[in-house]
Amino acid sequence: MPSTRQSYIYAGFAGETGRGREVHSGLHRLAEGDNEWRPLHAGLPDAPAIRALAVHPLHPEVIYAGTQSGPYRSNDRGEHWERVSVADHAQPVWSITFHPHDPKIMFIGYENCEIYRSDDAGEHWTRLPVSVRFPEITTAPDANPAKRVLMLDASVEKPNHLYAAIEVGGTIRSTDGGEHWENLSHGQYLNDDAVDMHGVLVSRWRPGTVIGIGRAGMFHSADAGDHWQHVKLDPLNAKGQIYCRDIREVPGNPRKIFVSAGANFQSEKGVLLYSGDGGNTWSRVEMGVQPPHTLFKLAFDEHQPTLMSAATNGGEVYSSGDGGETWSALPSPPGGTQIYALARG
């Protein structure tokens, strides 16, 4: 029988961390079937800029949020928060990931390319020695060159194989659980487009397949990241590219993959891409609604994977109750427009 547990959508406002960039703040929760967002703030820092959200895959009442001053955890679906005890520098958190092989293993990715690992469900943390060198690349005069860890993923087949998407810096890999890292973006340093990476996904369906997404679109590797090919996607901008921001497999059905995208970082058109064959072929989803801004984030309910949501960096939120077949627009969370984090559970 299908689960009748209440499902929630969590949306966090933030922005870029570069000097002079606009930043919105706040964290909100919406119950499935409801129309009113509820602000969540008890225990969070003042004006929290939320750039990462993660619902525990086994215990949906446990939620992690990445703020401008480090990670926070809630044990009651966001009603109350406490700071996670990480010996960090209170830097902005951009990614929080549970290992798909064992959810007791967690990773937190920060600005300035710092990654922390916990092997005991978040009680104790160790900073991983990420010492990857980033060759000189061309960056626009107003670009933020910070090496942000925008997404982390790990292999189920080879649990010690870890990957991270770096903005701006490329894709990095560790084959020993994080003790040593290497840059996988060799030959791509023509300009910052090709190494402005936003996401990385290690296929749970096809061993050895890794997909990377970023400003220049999508890259595919069939040999665990040793070699890459640029995936041909229908372009959306004058450079002949499509700006890809988030990538997610459908829980329990890893052949199905979705990617949120748009014309550019800020654009007047958001698109949703879909692959039903593990990333071999891609098509645009006819959502029935046209997002007026770049689709920035995607989220699934791990226990009810037909419940799916997407959000733009213009503040719009969309939901599907049938795994992405049909979509409806939800009320926008109040108080901001720049949704940088989204989660369901």
Protein backbone atom coordinates (compact mmCIF):
# COMPACT_ATOMS: atom_id res chain seq x y z
CA MET A 1 0.00 0.00 0.00
CA PRO A 2 1.31 3.52 -0.70
CA SER A 3 2.57 5.50 2.27
CA THR A 4 0.20 8.01 3.83
CA ARG A 5 2.90 9.78 5.83
CA GLN A 6 2.74 13.55 5.60
CA SER A 7 5.28 14.91 3.15
CA TYR A 8 6.84 18.37 3.40
CA ILE A 9 8.68 20.69 1.04
CA TYR A 10 11.54 22.79 2.44
CA ALA A 11 12.81 25.87 0.59
CA GLY A 12 15.74 28.08 1.55
CA PHE A 13 16.65 31.55 0.31
CA ALA A 14 20.24 32.67 -0.23
CA GLY A 15 22.41 34.18 -2.97
CA GLU A 16 25.98 34.47 -4.15
CA THR A 17 28.75 35.19 -1.67
CA GLY A 18 30.74 37.53 -3.89
CA ARG A 19 31.17 41.13 -2.85
CA GLY A 20 28.14 43.26 -3.64
CA ARG A 21 25.91 40.31 -4.58
CA GLU A 22 22.29 40.29 -3.47
CA VAL A 23 21.47 37.77 -0.73
CA HIS A 24 18.01 36.81 0.50
CA SER A 25 17.45 34.81 3.67
CA GLY A 26 14.98 32.50 5.33
CA LEU A 27 13.82 28.88 5.48
CA HIS A 28 10.21 27.83 4.87
CA ARG A 29 8.21 24.58 5.00
CA LEU A 30 5.07 23.64 3.09
CA ALA A 31 2.97 20.56 3.87
CA GLU A 32 1.90 18.50 0.87
CA GLY A 33 -1.57 19.61 -0.13
CA ASP A 34 -1.35 22.90 1.77
CA ASN A 35 -1.04 26.42 0.33
CA GLU A 36 0.67 28.31 3.15
CA TRP A 37 4.40 28.25 3.81
CA ARG A 38 5.56 28.24 7.41
CA PRO A 39 8.79 30.04 8.36
CA LEU A 40 11.33 27.95 10.26
CA HIS A 41 13.88 29.83 12.34
CA ALA A 42 14.06 28.62 15.96
CA GLY A 43 17.76 28.08 16.64
CA LEU A 44 19.01 29.17 13.22
CA PRO A 45 21.34 32.18 12.91
CA ASP A 46 19.84 35.58 12.22
CA ALA A 47 18.91 36.06 8.54
CA PRO A 48 19.98 32.54 7.56
CA ALA A 49 21.21 32.19 3.98
CA ILE A 50 20.30 28.58 3.18
CA ARG A 51 22.35 27.08 0.35
CA ALA A 52 21.96 23.38 1.23
CA LEU A 53 19.17 21.19 2.62
CA ALA A 54 19.16 17.43 3.17
CA VAL A 55 16.47 15.20 4.66
CA HIS A 56 17.75 11.99 6.26
CA PRO A 57 16.93 9.10 3.88
CA LEU A 58 15.74 6.83 6.71
CA HIS A 59 14.49 9.33 9.30
CA PRO A 60 12.61 12.16 7.54
CA GLU A 61 12.16 14.07 10.78
CA VAL A 62 15.91 14.75 10.72
CA ILE A 63 16.93 17.63 8.44
CA TYR A 64 20.24 19.36 7.84
CA ALA A 65 20.59 22.94 6.63
CA GLY A 66 23.71 24.69 5.38
CA THR A 67 23.92 28.35 6.39
CA GLN A 68 26.40 31.19 5.93
CA SER A 69 27.91 30.24 9.31
CA GLY A 70 28.04 26.46 9.06
CA PRO A 71 25.62 23.50 9.23
CA TYR A 72 22.54 23.11 11.45
CA ARG A 73 20.38 20.09 12.29
CA SER A 74 16.74 19.64 13.24
CA ASN A 75 15.26 16.49 14.74
CA ASP A 76 11.63 17.61 14.43
CA ARG A 77 11.12 18.54 10.76
CA GLY A 78 12.53 22.02 11.18
CA GLU A 79 10.67 23.19 14.27
CA HIS A 80 13.91 23.61 16.22
CA TRP A 81 17.54 23.77 15.12
CA GLU A 82 20.98 23.39 16.66
CA ARG A 83 24.39 23.94 15.21
CA VAL A 84 26.21 20.83 14.11
CA SER A 85 29.46 20.40 16.02
CA VAL A 86 31.99 20.78 13.21
CA ALA A 87 35.38 22.34 13.85
CA ASP A 88 35.04 24.50 10.75
CA HIS A 89 35.65 28.20 10.14
CA ALA A 90 31.93 29.08 10.06
CA GLN A 91 32.16 29.29 6.27
CA PRO A 92 29.13 29.09 3.96
CA VAL A 93 27.90 25.53 3.44
CA TRP A 94 26.91 24.66 -0.15
CA SER A 95 26.25 20.90 0.02
CA ILE A 96 25.21 18.21 2.49
CA THR A 97 25.22 14.59 1.35
CA PHE A 98 24.42 11.17 2.81
CA HIS A 99 26.49 8.31 1.41
CA PRO A 100 24.18 6.12 -0.73
CA HIS A 101 25.92 2.99 0.57
CA ASP A 102 25.53 3.89 4.25
CA PRO A 103 23.57 6.97 5.46
CA LYS A 104 25.59 7.06 8.70
CA ILE A 105 28.40 8.41 6.50
CA MET A 106 27.86 12.08 5.70
CA PHE A 107 29.73 14.85 3.89
CA ILE A 108 29.52 18.63 4.12
CA GLY A 109 30.93 20.80 1.34
CA TYR A 110 32.00 24.39 1.99
CA GLU A 111 33.23 27.41 0.17
CA ASN A 112 37.01 27.45 -0.42
CA CYS A 113 36.91 23.74 -1.27
CA GLU A 114 36.67 22.32 2.23
CA ILE A 115 34.97 18.95 2.79
CA TYR A 116 34.15 17.36 6.14
CA ARG A 117 33.20 13.72 6.71
CA SER A 118 31.28 11.98 9.49
CA ASP A 119 31.11 8.19 9.93
CA ASP A 120 28.69 8.21 12.88
CA ALA A 121 25.56 9.97 11.65
CA GLY A 122 26.89 13.47 12.19
CA GLU A 123 28.16 13.20 15.77
CA HIS A 124 31.85 13.63 14.92
CA TRP A 125 33.48 15.21 11.89
CA THR A 126 36.88 15.10 10.21
CA ARG A 127 38.15 17.56 7.67
CA LEU A 128 39.30 15.74 4.55
CA PRO A 129 42.70 16.76 3.13
CA VAL A 130 41.52 18.25 -0.16
CA SER A 131 44.74 19.49 -1.73
CA VAL A 132 43.77 19.55 -5.39
CA ARG A 133 45.52 22.13 -7.54
CA PHE A 134 43.33 24.21 -9.81
CA PRO A 135 45.21 25.40 -12.91
CA GLU A 136 44.87 29.01 -13.94
CA ILE A 137 41.59 29.62 -15.74
CA THR A 138 39.98 32.65 -17.31
CA THR A 139 37.30 34.21 -15.13
CA ALA A 140 35.05 37.14 -15.90
CA PRO A 141 35.96 40.41 -14.13
CA ASP A 142 32.92 40.17 -11.84
CA ALA A 143 33.14 36.41 -11.22
CA ASN A 144 33.56 34.93 -7.78
CA PRO A 145 36.59 32.63 -7.98
CA ALA A 146 35.79 30.86 -4.68
CA LYS A 147 36.08 27.08 -4.96
CA ARG A 148 32.64 26.09 -3.67
CA VAL A 149 31.73 22.42 -3.24
CA LEU A 150 28.28 22.61 -4.84
CA MET A 151 27.55 18.88 -4.82
CA LEU A 152 29.05 15.66 -3.49
CA ASP A 153 28.25 12.09 -4.46
CA ALA A 154 29.67 8.63 -3.86
CA SER A 155 29.59 5.24 -5.52
CA VAL A 156 27.46 2.40 -4.19
CA GLU A 157 29.55 -0.14 -6.07
CA LYS A 158 32.85 1.27 -4.78
CA PRO A 159 32.01 3.13 -1.55
CA ASN A 160 35.45 4.73 -1.27
CA HIS A 161 35.00 6.51 -4.59
CA LEU A 162 33.88 10.07 -3.86
CA TYR A 163 33.21 12.93 -6.27
CA ALA A 164 32.73 16.67 -5.85
CA ALA A 165 31.55 19.38 -8.24
CA ILE A 166 33.52 22.60 -7.75
CA GLU A 167 32.37 26.10 -8.71
CA VAL A 168 34.70 27.26 -10.24
CA GLY A 169 37.21 24.42 -10.58
CA GLY A 170 35.87 21.31 -12.26
CA THR A 171 35.15 17.83 -10.92
CA ILE A 172 37.39 16.15 -8.35
CA ARG A 173 37.58 12.51 -7.24
CA SER A 174 38.90 10.45 -4.36
CA THR A 175 39.30 6.67 -4.56
CA ASP A 176 40.23 6.18 -0.90
CA GLY A 177 37.35 7.73 1.00
CA GLY A 178 38.68 11.26 0.85
CA GLU A 179 42.32 10.93 1.88
CA HIS A 180 43.61 11.89 -1.55
CA TRP A 181 41.95 13.81 -4.37
CA GLU A 182 42.59 14.41 -8.06
CA ASN A 183 41.19 16.84 -10.59
CA LEU A 184 39.28 15.14 -13.41
CA SER A 185 38.89 18.21 -15.61
CA HIS A 186 42.18 17.96 -17.50
CA GLY A 187 42.01 19.53 -20.92
CA GLN A 188 38.95 21.61 -20.13
CA TYR A 189 40.75 24.73 -18.89
CA LEU A 190 40.04 26.87 -21.95
CA ASN A 191 37.91 29.24 -19.89
CA ASP A 192 35.80 29.12 -16.76
CA ASP A 193 32.65 27.92 -18.56
CA ALA A 194 33.77 24.31 -18.87
CA VAL A 195 34.96 24.02 -15.27
CA ASP A 196 32.13 25.92 -13.58
CA MET A 197 30.60 22.70 -12.25
CA HIS A 198 27.33 22.59 -10.35
CA GLY A 199 26.60 18.91 -9.86
CA VAL A 200 27.92 15.37 -10.10
CA LEU A 201 25.98 12.10 -10.07
CA VAL A 202 27.43 8.61 -9.73
CA SER A 203 25.01 6.20 -11.36
CA ARG A 204 23.48 3.59 -9.06
CA TRP A 205 22.16 1.74 -12.10
CA ARG A 206 25.17 1.60 -14.43
CA PRO A 207 28.51 1.04 -12.62
CA GLY A 208 31.27 3.36 -13.79
CA THR A 209 28.94 5.99 -15.20
CA VAL A 210 29.38 9.51 -13.80
CA ILE A 211 27.50 12.59 -15.01
CA GLY A 212 28.67 16.14 -14.36
CA ILE A 213 26.66 19.30 -14.97
CA GLY A 214 27.56 22.97 -15.00
CA ARG A 215 27.49 26.27 -16.80
CA ALA A 216 28.54 24.68 -20.09
CA GLY A 217 25.92 21.94 -19.91
CA MET A 218 26.55 18.27 -19.26
CA PHE A 219 29.52 15.89 -19.29
CA HIS A 220 29.40 12.07 -19.29
CA SER A 221 32.02 9.53 -18.23
CA ALA A 222 31.75 5.77 -18.74
CA ASP A 223 34.97 4.96 -16.84
CA ALA A 224 34.40 6.46 -13.39
CA GLY A 225 35.67 9.89 -14.43
CA ASP A 226 38.92 9.05 -16.20
CA HIS A 227 37.58 10.36 -19.52
CA TRP A 228 34.68 12.67 -20.32
CA GLN A 229 32.49 13.55 -23.27
CA HIS A 230 30.40 16.68 -23.63
CA VAL A 231 26.73 15.69 -23.94
CA LYS A 232 24.89 17.32 -26.84
CA LEU A 233 21.82 19.13 -25.50
CA ASP A 234 19.54 21.58 -27.25
CA PRO A 235 21.13 25.00 -26.60
CA LEU A 236 19.35 27.83 -24.84
CA ASN A 237 21.80 30.72 -25.07
CA ALA A 238 23.99 32.56 -27.56
CA LYS A 239 27.02 30.47 -26.63
CA GLY A 240 25.23 27.36 -27.86
CA GLN A 241 25.01 26.04 -24.31
CA ILE A 242 22.43 25.21 -21.68
CA TYR A 243 23.01 26.16 -18.06
CA CYS A 244 22.50 23.05 -15.87
CA ARG A 245 22.18 23.55 -12.11
CA ASP A 246 20.93 20.40 -10.31
CA ILE A 247 20.81 16.67 -11.07
CA ARG A 248 18.87 13.93 -9.26
CA GLU A 249 18.09 10.25 -9.74
CA VAL A 250 14.60 9.07 -8.90
CA PRO A 251 14.79 7.26 -5.53
CA GLY A 252 14.44 3.53 -6.11
CA ASN A 253 14.60 3.88 -9.89
CA PRO A 254 18.07 5.15 -10.86
CA ARG A 255 17.43 4.68 -14.57
CA LYS A 256 15.38 7.86 -14.34
CA ILE A 257 17.33 11.11 -13.97
CA PHE A 258 16.18 14.74 -13.93
CA VAL A 259 18.23 17.91 -14.44
CA SER A 260 17.12 21.47 -13.69
CA ALA A 261 18.35 24.04 -16.18
CA GLY A 262 17.88 27.37 -17.93
CA ALA A 263 19.44 29.69 -20.46
CA ASN A 264 21.93 31.19 -18.00
CA PHE A 265 22.47 31.74 -14.28
CA GLN A 266 19.74 34.37 -14.49
CA SER A 267 17.34 33.89 -17.36
CA GLU A 268 13.69 34.19 -18.27
CA LYS A 269 13.25 30.52 -19.10
CA GLY A 270 13.60 27.46 -16.91
CA VAL A 271 13.61 23.94 -18.32
CA LEU A 272 13.54 20.44 -16.90
CA LEU A 273 15.52 17.69 -18.60
CA TYR A 274 14.77 13.97 -18.28
CA SER A 275 16.52 10.70 -19.09
CA GLY A 276 14.80 7.35 -18.74
CA ASP A 277 17.84 5.29 -19.69
CA GLY A 278 20.44 6.26 -17.12
CA GLY A 279 21.69 9.32 -18.99
CA ASN A 280 22.16 7.91 -22.49
CA THR A 281 19.49 10.14 -24.02
CA TRP A 282 17.82 13.33 -22.82
CA SER A 283 14.64 15.25 -23.58
CA ARG A 284 12.90 18.33 -22.25
CA VAL A 285 9.93 17.75 -19.97
CA GLU A 286 6.69 19.39 -21.05
CA MET A 287 5.70 20.65 -17.62
CA GLY A 288 2.46 22.31 -18.69
CA VAL A 289 3.73 25.46 -16.96
CA GLN A 290 6.64 27.62 -18.10
CA PRO A 291 9.05 28.61 -15.31
CA PRO A 292 9.93 32.30 -15.88
CA HIS A 293 13.38 31.89 -14.35
CA THR A 294 16.17 29.31 -14.42
CA LEU A 295 15.18 26.09 -12.66
CA PHE A 296 17.72 25.90 -9.86
CA LYS A 297 16.86 23.00 -7.53
CA LEU A 298 15.15 19.60 -7.56
CA ALA A 299 13.91 17.43 -4.70
CA PHE A 300 12.25 14.04 -4.17
CA ASP A 301 10.57 12.50 -1.16
CA GLU A 302 12.80 9.47 -0.54
CA HIS A 303 9.87 7.42 0.82
CA GLN A 304 7.30 8.60 -1.73
CA PRO A 305 9.39 9.15 -4.88
CA THR A 306 6.39 10.09 -7.01
CA LEU A 307 6.37 13.34 -4.99
CA MET A 308 8.81 15.69 -6.72
CA SER A 309 9.43 19.43 -6.56
CA ALA A 310 11.45 22.00 -8.49
CA ALA A 311 12.29 25.62 -7.72
CA THR A 312 13.75 28.58 -9.59
CA ASN A 313 16.18 31.24 -8.48
CA GLY A 314 13.33 33.67 -9.09
CA GLY A 315 11.27 32.21 -6.24
CA GLU A 316 8.81 29.96 -8.09
CA VAL A 317 8.09 26.44 -6.81
CA TYR A 318 6.48 23.60 -8.78
CA SER A 319 5.37 20.15 -7.69
CA SER A 320 4.46 16.84 -9.25
CA GLY A 321 2.57 14.00 -7.59
CA ASP A 322 3.23 11.47 -10.34
CA GLY A 323 6.98 11.45 -10.71
CA GLY A 324 7.28 14.35 -13.11
CA GLU A 325 4.48 13.47 -15.54
CA THR A 326 2.32 16.47 -14.63
CA TRP A 327 3.15 19.67 -12.77
CA SER A 328 1.41 22.46 -10.93
CA ALA A 329 2.63 25.80 -9.62
CA LEU A 330 2.67 26.31 -5.85
CA PRO A 331 2.51 29.59 -3.94
CA SER A 332 5.95 31.16 -3.67
CA PRO A 333 7.58 31.24 -0.23
CA PRO A 334 7.26 34.74 1.24
CA GLY A 335 10.10 37.12 1.90
CA GLY A 336 12.48 36.45 -0.95
CA THR A 337 12.99 35.15 -4.46
CA GLN A 338 16.40 33.46 -4.61
CA ILE A 339 15.71 29.80 -3.76
CA TYR A 340 19.10 28.14 -3.42
CA ALA A 341 18.08 25.00 -1.51
CA LEU A 342 15.16 22.59 -1.79
CA ALA A 343 14.30 19.32 -0.04
CA ARG A 344 11.36 16.96 0.43
CA GLY A 345 10.54 14.41 3.10
